[in-house]
C-alpha atoms as a PDB file:
ATOM      1  CA  MET A   1      12.055  14.830  25.699  1.00  0.00           C
ATOM      2  CA  PRO A   2      12.619  11.043  25.826  1.00  0.00           C
ATOM      3  CA  ARG A   3      11.070   8.739  23.273  1.00  0.00           C
ATOM      4  CA  TYR A   4       9.922   5.425  24.723  1.00  0.00           C
ATOM      5  CA  ARG A   5       9.949   2.278  22.615  1.00  0.00           C
ATOM      6  CA  LEU A   6       7.457  -0.252  23.949  1.00  0.00           C
ATOM      7  CA  THR A   7       6.568  -3.818  23.089  1.00  0.00           C
ATOM      8  CA  LEU A   8       2.896  -4.548  23.738  1.00  0.00           C
ATOM      9  CA  GLU A   9       0.934  -7.757  24.143  1.00  0.00           C
ATOM     10  CA  TRP A  10      -2.861  -7.782  24.160  1.00  0.00           C
ATOM     11  CA  ASP A  11      -6.021  -9.824  23.895  1.00  0.00           C
ATOM     12  CA  GLY A  12      -7.921  -8.214  21.038  1.00  0.00           C
ATOM     13  CA  ARG A  13     -11.404  -9.440  21.926  1.00  0.00           C
ATOM     14  CA  PRO A  14     -12.622  -6.309  23.793  1.00  0.00           C
ATOM     15  CA  TYR A  15     -11.277  -3.849  21.215  1.00  0.00           C
ATOM     16  CA  MET A  16     -12.107  -2.430  17.804  1.00  0.00           C
ATOM     17  CA  GLY A  17      -8.436  -2.850  16.929  1.00  0.00           C
ATOM     18  CA  TRP A  18      -5.283  -0.853  17.623  1.00  0.00           C
ATOM     19  CA  GLN A  19      -6.408   2.498  16.187  1.00  0.00           C
ATOM     20  CA  ARG A  20      -8.707   4.909  18.011  1.00  0.00           C
ATOM     21  CA  GLN A  21     -12.338   4.572  16.911  1.00  0.00           C
ATOM     22  CA  GLU A  22     -15.370   6.735  17.517  1.00  0.00           C
ATOM     23  CA  HIS A  23     -17.649   3.716  17.864  1.00  0.00           C
ATOM     24  CA  GLY A  24     -15.773   1.583  20.380  1.00  0.00           C
ATOM     25  CA  PRO A  25     -12.706   1.025  22.580  1.00  0.00           C
ATOM     26  CA  SER A  26      -9.244   0.620  21.085  1.00  0.00           C
ATOM     27  CA  VAL A  27      -5.817  -0.423  22.329  1.00  0.00           C
ATOM     28  CA  GLN A  28      -4.354   2.929  21.276  1.00  0.00           C
ATOM     29  CA  GLN A  29      -6.902   4.820  23.358  1.00  0.00           C
ATOM     30  CA  ALA A  30      -6.261   2.674  26.438  1.00  0.00           C
ATOM     31  CA  LEU A  31      -2.484   3.135  26.152  1.00  0.00           C
ATOM     32  CA  GLU A  32      -2.629   6.871  25.465  1.00  0.00           C
ATOM     33  CA  GLU A  33      -4.926   7.479  28.423  1.00  0.00           C
ATOM     34  CA  ALA A  34      -2.663   5.439  30.691  1.00  0.00           C
ATOM     35  CA  ALA A  35       0.428   7.319  29.477  1.00  0.00           C
ATOM     36  CA  ALA A  36      -1.289  10.704  29.908  1.00  0.00           C
ATOM     37  CA  ARG A  37      -2.009   9.962  33.565  1.00  0.00           C
ATOM     38  CA  ILE A  38       1.690   9.270  34.104  1.00  0.00           C
ATOM     39  CA  THR A  39       3.186  12.118  32.036  1.00  0.00           C
ATOM     40  CA  GLU A  40       0.448  14.642  32.883  1.00  0.00           C
ATOM     41  CA  HIS A  41       0.093  15.679  29.246  1.00  0.00           C
ATOM     42  CA  ASP A  42      -1.578  14.342  26.094  1.00  0.00           C
ATOM     43  CA  VAL A  43       0.302  11.492  24.476  1.00  0.00           C
ATOM     44  CA  THR A  44       0.188  10.172  20.907  1.00  0.00           C
ATOM     45  CA  ALA A  45       1.193   6.510  20.599  1.00  0.00           C
ATOM     46  CA  ILE A  46       2.341   5.126  17.233  1.00  0.00           C
ATOM     47  CA  ALA A  47       2.362   1.374  16.498  1.00  0.00           C
ATOM     48  CA  ALA A  48       4.231  -0.644  13.890  1.00  0.00           C
ATOM     49  CA  GLY A  49       0.928  -1.711  12.338  1.00  0.00           C
ATOM     50  CA  ARG A  50      -2.817  -1.569  12.644  1.00  0.00           C
ATOM     51  CA  THR A  51      -4.921  -4.513  13.716  1.00  0.00           C
ATOM     52  CA  ASP A  52      -8.600  -5.235  13.114  1.00  0.00           C
ATOM     53  CA  ALA A  53     -11.262  -5.702  15.763  1.00  0.00           C
ATOM     54  CA  GLY A  54     -10.653  -8.902  17.701  1.00  0.00           C
ATOM     55  CA  VAL A  55      -7.062  -9.363  16.490  1.00  0.00           C
ATOM     56  CA  HIS A  56      -4.405 -10.070  19.120  1.00  0.00           C
ATOM     57  CA  ALA A  57      -0.765  -9.046  19.554  1.00  0.00           C
ATOM     58  CA  ARG A  58       2.175 -10.859  21.101  1.00  0.00           C
ATOM     59  CA  ALA A  59       4.865  -8.269  20.350  1.00  0.00           C
ATOM     60  CA  MET A  60       3.657  -4.983  18.854  1.00  0.00           C
ATOM     61  CA  PRO A  61       6.293  -2.201  18.770  1.00  0.00           C
ATOM     62  CA  VAL A  62       4.930   1.185  19.838  1.00  0.00           C
ATOM     63  CA  HIS A  63       6.510   4.540  20.608  1.00  0.00           C
ATOM     64  CA  PHE A  64       5.510   7.791  22.267  1.00  0.00           C
ATOM     65  CA  ASP A  65       7.287  10.945  23.475  1.00  0.00           C
ATOM     66  CA  SER A  66       7.100  12.154  27.054  1.00  0.00           C
ATOM     67  CA  GLU A  67       7.874  15.459  28.749  1.00  0.00           C
ATOM     68  CA  LYS A  68       8.433  13.546  31.980  1.00  0.00           C
ATOM     69  CA  ALA A  69      11.635  11.515  32.102  1.00  0.00           C
ATOM     70  CA  LEU A  70      11.375   8.158  33.847  1.00  0.00           C
ATOM     71  CA  THR A  71      13.681   5.183  33.568  1.00  0.00           C
ATOM     72  CA  PRO A  72      12.325   2.623  31.082  1.00  0.00           C
ATOM     73  CA  PHE A  73      11.678   0.169  33.908  1.00  0.00           C
ATOM     74  CA  ARG A  74       9.689   2.715  35.912  1.00  0.00           C
ATOM     75  CA  MET A  75       7.714   3.731  32.802  1.00  0.00           C
ATOM     76  CA  MET A  76       6.873   0.089  32.053  1.00  0.00           C
ATOM     77  CA  GLU A  77       5.768  -0.537  35.640  1.00  0.00           C
ATOM     78  CA  ALA A  78       3.692   2.652  35.718  1.00  0.00           C
ATOM     79  CA  LEU A  79       2.010   1.888  32.392  1.00  0.00           C
ATOM     80  CA  ASN A  80       1.120  -1.661  33.420  1.00  0.00           C
ATOM     81  CA  ALA A  81      -0.352  -0.354  36.664  1.00  0.00           C
ATOM     82  CA  GLN A  82      -2.410   2.268  34.833  1.00  0.00           C
ATOM     83  CA  LEU A  83      -3.582  -0.195  32.177  1.00  0.00           C
ATOM     84  CA  ARG A  84      -5.265  -2.519  34.649  1.00  0.00           C
ATOM     85  CA  PRO A  85      -7.787  -4.131  34.188  1.00  0.00           C
ATOM     86  CA  HIS A  86      -7.318  -3.900  30.402  1.00  0.00           C
ATOM     87  CA  PRO A  87      -5.948  -7.144  28.874  1.00  0.00           C
ATOM     88  CA  ILE A  88      -2.938  -5.164  27.629  1.00  0.00           C
ATOM     89  CA  ALA A  89       0.630  -5.546  28.897  1.00  0.00           C
ATOM     90  CA  VAL A  90       3.836  -3.642  28.230  1.00  0.00           C
ATOM     91  CA  ILE A  91       6.343  -6.501  28.080  1.00  0.00           C
ATOM     92  CA  ASP A  92       9.383  -4.368  27.210  1.00  0.00           C
ATOM     93  CA  CYS A  93      10.293  -0.680  27.431  1.00  0.00           C
ATOM     94  CA  ARG A  94      13.449   1.164  26.450  1.00  0.00           C
ATOM     95  CA  GLU A  95      14.506   4.610  25.283  1.00  0.00           C
ATOM     96  CA  ALA A  96      14.881   5.214  21.554  1.00  0.00           C
ATOM     97  CA  ASN A  97      16.493   8.054  19.645  1.00  0.00           C
ATOM     98  CA  ALA A  98      14.281  10.747  18.174  1.00  0.00           C
ATOM     99  CA  GLU A  99      14.705   9.371  14.639  1.00  0.00           C
ATOM    100  CA  TRP A 100      13.358   5.919  15.487  1.00  0.00           C
ATOM    101  CA  HIS A 101       9.697   5.503  14.481  1.00  0.00           C
ATOM    102  CA  ALA A 102       7.624   2.425  15.279  1.00  0.00           C
ATOM    103  CA  ARG A 103       5.806   2.583  11.946  1.00  0.00           C
ATOM    104  CA  PHE A 104       8.088   4.313   9.443  1.00  0.00           C
ATOM    105  CA  SER A 105      11.314   2.634  10.606  1.00  0.00           C
ATOM    106  CA  CYS A 106       9.702  -0.782  10.284  1.00  0.00           C
ATOM    107  CA  THR A 107      10.961  -2.919   7.383  1.00  0.00           C
ATOM    108  CA  GLY A 108       8.859  -6.041   7.954  1.00  0.00           C
ATOM    109  CA  ARG A 109       5.801  -7.282   9.807  1.00  0.00           C
ATOM    110  CA  ILE A 110       5.013 -10.813  10.934  1.00  0.00           C
ATOM    111  CA  TYR A 111       1.620 -12.359  11.655  1.00  0.00           C
ATOM    112  CA  ASP A 112       0.651 -15.811  12.884  1.00  0.00           C
ATOM    113  CA  TYR A 113      -2.771 -17.352  12.377  1.00  0.00           C
ATOM    114  CA  LEU A 114      -3.845 -20.252  14.586  1.00  0.00           C
ATOM    115  CA  ILE A 115      -6.378 -22.839  13.411  1.00  0.00           C
ATOM    116  CA  ILE A 116      -7.402 -25.585  15.829  1.00  0.00           C
ATOM    117  CA  ASN A 117      -8.628 -28.495  13.749  1.00  0.00           C
ATOM    118  CA  ARG A 118     -10.981 -30.498  15.959  1.00  0.00           C
ATOM    119  CA  ARG A 119     -14.660 -31.232  16.487  1.00  0.00           C
ATOM    120  CA  PRO A 120     -14.958 -30.480  20.240  1.00  0.00           C
ATOM    121  CA  PRO A 121     -15.611 -26.825  21.067  1.00  0.00           C
ATOM    122  CA  LEU A 122     -12.785 -24.642  22.340  1.00  0.00           C
ATOM    123  CA  THR A 123     -12.693 -23.862  26.036  1.00  0.00           C
ATOM    124  CA  LEU A 124      -9.308 -22.436  27.038  1.00  0.00           C
ATOM    125  CA  GLU A 125      -8.716 -20.897  23.593  1.00  0.00           C
ATOM    126  CA  ALA A 126     -12.217 -19.766  22.678  1.00  0.00           C
ATOM    127  CA  GLY A 127     -11.881 -16.470  20.841  1.00  0.00           C
ATOM    128  CA  MET A 128      -8.136 -17.019  20.499  1.00  0.00           C
ATOM    129  CA  ALA A 129      -8.147 -19.440  17.539  1.00  0.00           C
ATOM    130  CA  TRP A 130     -10.335 -20.501  14.621  1.00  0.00           C
ATOM    131  CA  ARG A 131     -11.882 -23.901  15.261  1.00  0.00           C
ATOM    132  CA  VAL A 132     -12.344 -25.818  12.004  1.00  0.00           C
ATOM    133  CA  THR A 133     -14.155 -29.115  12.464  1.00  0.00           C
ATOM    134  CA  HIS A 134     -13.505 -30.646   9.026  1.00  0.00           C
ATOM    135  CA  ASP A 135     -10.187 -32.462   8.534  1.00  0.00           C
ATOM    136  CA  LEU A 136      -7.589 -30.192   6.943  1.00  0.00           C
ATOM    137  CA  ASP A 137      -4.575 -31.207   4.851  1.00  0.00           C
ATOM    138  CA  ALA A 138      -1.864 -28.851   6.121  1.00  0.00           C
ATOM    139  CA  GLU A 139       0.664 -30.053   3.526  1.00  0.00           C
ATOM    140  CA  ALA A 140      -1.694 -29.154   0.686  1.00  0.00           C
ATOM    141  CA  MET A 141      -2.299 -25.785   2.341  1.00  0.00           C
ATOM    142  CA  HIS A 142       1.440 -25.091   2.545  1.00  0.00           C
ATOM    143  CA  GLU A 143       2.062 -26.077  -1.073  1.00  0.00           C
ATOM    144  CA  ALA A 144      -0.790 -23.871  -2.272  1.00  0.00           C
ATOM    145  CA  ALA A 145       0.382 -20.990  -0.081  1.00  0.00           C
ATOM    146  CA  GLN A 146       3.613 -20.748  -2.077  1.00  0.00           C
ATOM    147  CA  ARG A 147       1.531 -19.554  -5.048  1.00  0.00           C
ATOM    148  CA  LEU A 148       0.964 -16.317  -3.107  1.00  0.00           C
ATOM    149  CA  VAL A 149       4.591 -15.667  -2.173  1.00  0.00           C
ATOM    150  CA  GLY A 150       6.280 -12.853  -4.110  1.00  0.00           C
ATOM    151  CA  GLN A 151       5.037  -9.582  -5.570  1.00  0.00           C
ATOM    152  CA  HIS A 152       1.411  -9.657  -6.713  1.00  0.00           C
ATOM    153  CA  ASP A 153      -1.717  -7.583  -7.061  1.00  0.00           C
ATOM    154  CA  PHE A 154      -3.598  -8.771  -3.952  1.00  0.00           C
ATOM    155  CA  THR A 155      -6.904  -7.040  -4.772  1.00  0.00           C
ATOM    156  CA  THR A 156      -8.800 -10.324  -4.266  1.00  0.00           C
ATOM    157  CA  PHE A 157      -7.487 -10.508  -0.698  1.00  0.00           C
ATOM    158  CA  ARG A 158      -8.076  -6.843   0.093  1.00  0.00           C
ATOM    159  CA  SER A 159     -10.951  -5.402   2.112  1.00  0.00           C
ATOM    160  CA  ALA A 160     -13.215  -2.933   0.337  1.00  0.00           C
ATOM    161  CA  HIS A 161     -12.344  -0.509   3.173  1.00  0.00           C
ATOM    162  CA  CYS A 162      -8.573  -0.800   2.652  1.00  0.00           C
ATOM    163  CA  GLN A 163      -6.862   2.606   2.517  1.00  0.00           C
ATOM    164  CA  SER A 164      -3.579   1.427   0.994  1.00  0.00           C
ATOM    165  CA  ALA A 165      -2.514   3.404  -2.087  1.00  0.00           C
ATOM    166  CA  SER A 166      -1.775   0.236  -4.084  1.00  0.00           C
ATOM    167  CA  PRO A 167      -2.980  -3.388  -3.970  1.00  0.00           C
ATOM    168  CA  VAL A 168       0.490  -4.565  -5.041  1.00  0.00           C
ATOM    169  CA  LYS A 169       2.422  -6.087  -2.150  1.00  0.00           C
ATOM    170  CA  THR A 170       5.404  -8.405  -1.812  1.00  0.00           C
ATOM    171  CA  LEU A 171       4.719 -11.413   0.392  1.00  0.00           C
ATOM    172  CA  ASP A 172       8.055 -12.709   1.697  1.00  0.00           C
ATOM    173  CA  ARG A 173       6.785 -15.824   3.450  1.00  0.00           C
ATOM    174  CA  LEU A 174       3.583 -17.808   3.875  1.00  0.00           C
ATOM    175  CA  ASP A 175       4.144 -21.101   5.698  1.00  0.00           C
ATOM    176  CA  VAL A 176       1.663 -23.645   7.029  1.00  0.00           C
ATOM    177  CA  ALA A 177       2.714 -26.167   9.676  1.00  0.00           C
ATOM    178  CA  ARG A 178       0.724 -28.667  11.726  1.00  0.00           C
ATOM    179  CA  THR A 179       1.386 -29.961  15.268  1.00  0.00           C
ATOM    180  CA  THR A 180      -1.301 -32.401  16.454  1.00  0.00           C
ATOM    181  CA  ASP A 181      -4.586 -30.501  16.000  1.00  0.00           C
ATOM    182  CA  ARG A 182      -2.957 -27.053  15.750  1.00  0.00           C
ATOM    183  CA  ILE A 183      -2.269 -25.534  12.338  1.00  0.00           C
ATOM    184  CA  MET A 184      -0.123 -22.400  12.390  1.00  0.00           C
ATOM    185  CA  ILE A 185       0.139 -20.104   9.381  1.00  0.00           C
ATOM    186  CA  ARG A 186       2.932 -17.524   9.365  1.00  0.00           C
ATOM    187  CA  ALA A 187       2.889 -14.551   6.999  1.00  0.00           C
ATOM    188  CA  GLU A 188       5.750 -12.078   6.577  1.00  0.00           C
ATOM    189  CA  ALA A 189       5.900  -8.943   4.430  1.00  0.00           C
ATOM    190  CA  ARG A 190       7.024  -5.336   4.588  1.00  0.00           C
ATOM    191  CA  SER A 191       3.352  -4.380   4.847  1.00  0.00           C
ATOM    192  CA  PHE A 192      -0.086  -5.927   4.356  1.00  0.00           C
ATOM    193  CA  LEU A 193      -3.423  -4.823   2.969  1.00  0.00           C
ATOM    194  CA  HIS A 194      -6.471  -4.581   5.194  1.00  0.00           C
ATOM    195  CA  HIS A 195      -7.794  -8.135   5.748  1.00  0.00           C
ATOM    196  CA  GLN A 196      -5.055  -9.623   3.534  1.00  0.00           C
ATOM    197  CA  VAL A 197      -3.865 -12.242   6.022  1.00  0.00           C
ATOM    198  CA  ARG A 198      -7.377 -13.272   7.053  1.00  0.00           C
ATOM    199  CA  SER A 199      -8.446 -13.541   3.415  1.00  0.00           C
ATOM    200  CA  MET A 200      -5.447 -15.672   2.499  1.00  0.00           C
ATOM    201  CA  VAL A 201      -6.058 -17.946   5.488  1.00  0.00           C
ATOM    202  CA  GLY A 202      -9.728 -18.379   4.603  1.00  0.00           C
ATOM    203  CA  CYS A 203      -8.832 -19.536   1.099  1.00  0.00           C
ATOM    204  CA  LEU A 204      -6.061 -21.818   2.368  1.00  0.00           C
ATOM    205  CA  MET A 205      -8.579 -23.454   4.687  1.00  0.00           C
ATOM    206  CA  MET A 206     -10.694 -24.233   1.628  1.00  0.00           C
ATOM    207  CA  VAL A 207      -7.654 -25.857   0.011  1.00  0.00           C
ATOM    208  CA  GLY A 208      -7.031 -27.917   3.151  1.00  0.00           C
ATOM    209  CA  ARG A 209     -10.641 -29.053   3.191  1.00  0.00           C
ATOM    210  CA  GLY A 210     -10.517 -30.067  -0.482  1.00  0.00           C
ATOM    211  CA  GLN A 211     -12.962 -27.413  -1.692  1.00  0.00           C
ATOM    212  CA  TRP A 212     -10.246 -25.597  -3.652  1.00  0.00           C
ATOM    213  CA  SER A 213      -7.076 -26.713  -5.417  1.00  0.00           C
ATOM    214  CA  ALA A 214      -3.812 -24.768  -5.597  1.00  0.00           C
ATOM    215  CA  ASP A 215      -4.849 -23.763  -9.123  1.00  0.00           C
ATOM    216  CA  ASP A 216      -8.111 -22.341  -7.769  1.00  0.00           C
ATOM    217  CA  LEU A 217      -6.080 -20.229  -5.355  1.00  0.00           C
ATOM    218  CA  SER A 218      -3.888 -18.991  -8.206  1.00  0.00           C
ATOM    219  CA  SER A 219      -6.974 -18.155 -10.276  1.00  0.00           C
ATOM    220  CA  ALA A 220      -8.427 -16.145  -7.403  1.00  0.00           C
ATOM    221  CA  LEU A 221      -5.168 -14.198  -7.124  1.00  0.00           C
ATOM    222  CA  VAL A 222      -4.938 -13.497 -10.858  1.00  0.00           C
ATOM    223  CA  ALA A 223      -8.587 -12.376 -10.945  1.00  0.00           C
ATOM    224  CA  ALA A 224      -7.698  -9.321  -8.842  1.00  0.00           C
ATOM    225  CA  ASP A 225     -11.359  -9.172  -7.853  1.00  0.00           C
ATOM    226  CA  ARG A 226     -12.754  -9.306  -4.320  1.00  0.00           C
ATOM    227  CA  GLN A 227     -15.704 -11.311  -5.679  1.00  0.00           C
ATOM    228  CA  ALA A 228     -13.259 -14.149  -6.419  1.00  0.00           C
ATOM    229  CA  LEU A 229     -12.431 -14.564  -2.718  1.00  0.00           C
ATOM    230  CA  GLY A 230     -13.431 -17.915  -1.298  1.00  0.00           C
ATOM    231  CA  GLN A 231     -13.700 -17.063   2.394  1.00  0.00           C
ATOM    232  CA  ASN A 232     -12.462 -14.530   4.938  1.00  0.00           C
ATOM    233  CA  ALA A 233     -11.161 -16.108   8.152  1.00  0.00           C
ATOM    234  CA  PRO A 234     -12.437 -14.688  11.459  1.00  0.00           C
ATOM    235  CA  PRO A 235     -10.140 -12.421  13.523  1.00  0.00           C
ATOM    236  CA  ASP A 236      -9.984 -14.886  16.438  1.00  0.00           C
ATOM    237  CA  GLY A 237      -6.833 -16.714  15.362  1.00  0.00           C
ATOM    238  CA  LEU A 238      -4.799 -13.741  14.091  1.00  0.00           C
ATOM    239  CA  TYR A 239      -1.795 -12.462  16.072  1.00  0.00           C
ATOM    240  CA  PHE A 240       0.702  -9.704  15.332  1.00  0.00           C
ATOM    241  CA  VAL A 241       3.891 -11.437  16.492  1.00  0.00           C
ATOM    242  CA  GLY A 242       6.776  -9.241  15.433  1.00  0.00           C
ATOM    243  CA  ALA A 243       8.312  -6.463  13.387  1.00  0.00           C
ATOM    244  CA  ARG A 244      11.688  -6.060  11.715  1.00  0.00           C
ATOM    245  CA  TYR A 245      13.896  -2.965  11.885  1.00  0.00           C
ATOM    246  CA  GLU A 246      17.251  -2.173  10.303  1.00  0.00           C
END
């Protein structure tokens, strides 16, 4: 029984996130139904991480097992045909050994968050970025972001619905860089809490706007209290962009 290792790209706007939900469509459901039509049996697809409603993916690793053996190229072509008109694409497909697991073999996850800092409304990227109309100081945001790097109790930046066993996570990287009116924030860690990236971005935006200082961000972190959160960024600008494996 071959195990297929996929890389998926999707527009998250129509979905409740990656994971199957009773109250709305999900990327997992769309993929599993497409795969079942090809393999002629039920399929369970496992992803490297979960994403919230409205969050996008550029390169999400996924695996599933099939009783029908197709070449990776044929499986990719068949899946993309069956996924239409969903805004989901299989951009890579290969066979993996039975021990490889998209989630449990993963040693690091990478997210990008895109802020477009301008007054005019978004047209081409509406729903794909967070438009912030007030001038933002990206250098101040980057300097403050380094206060969050390392191992911390991230309770302040954790959703009340988070199912993680512990709020303690190790953030390996949190960089902020500006190109013209585009501010990109990259976060890397072995794993993240529910809403952690969006919560960090929301508070960094406040630093960039001058509402918070780096010390205010540190105080919010040390508080380990969701009530200390400044702002939660919308899902629009968040992208799962990669995963690391040994």
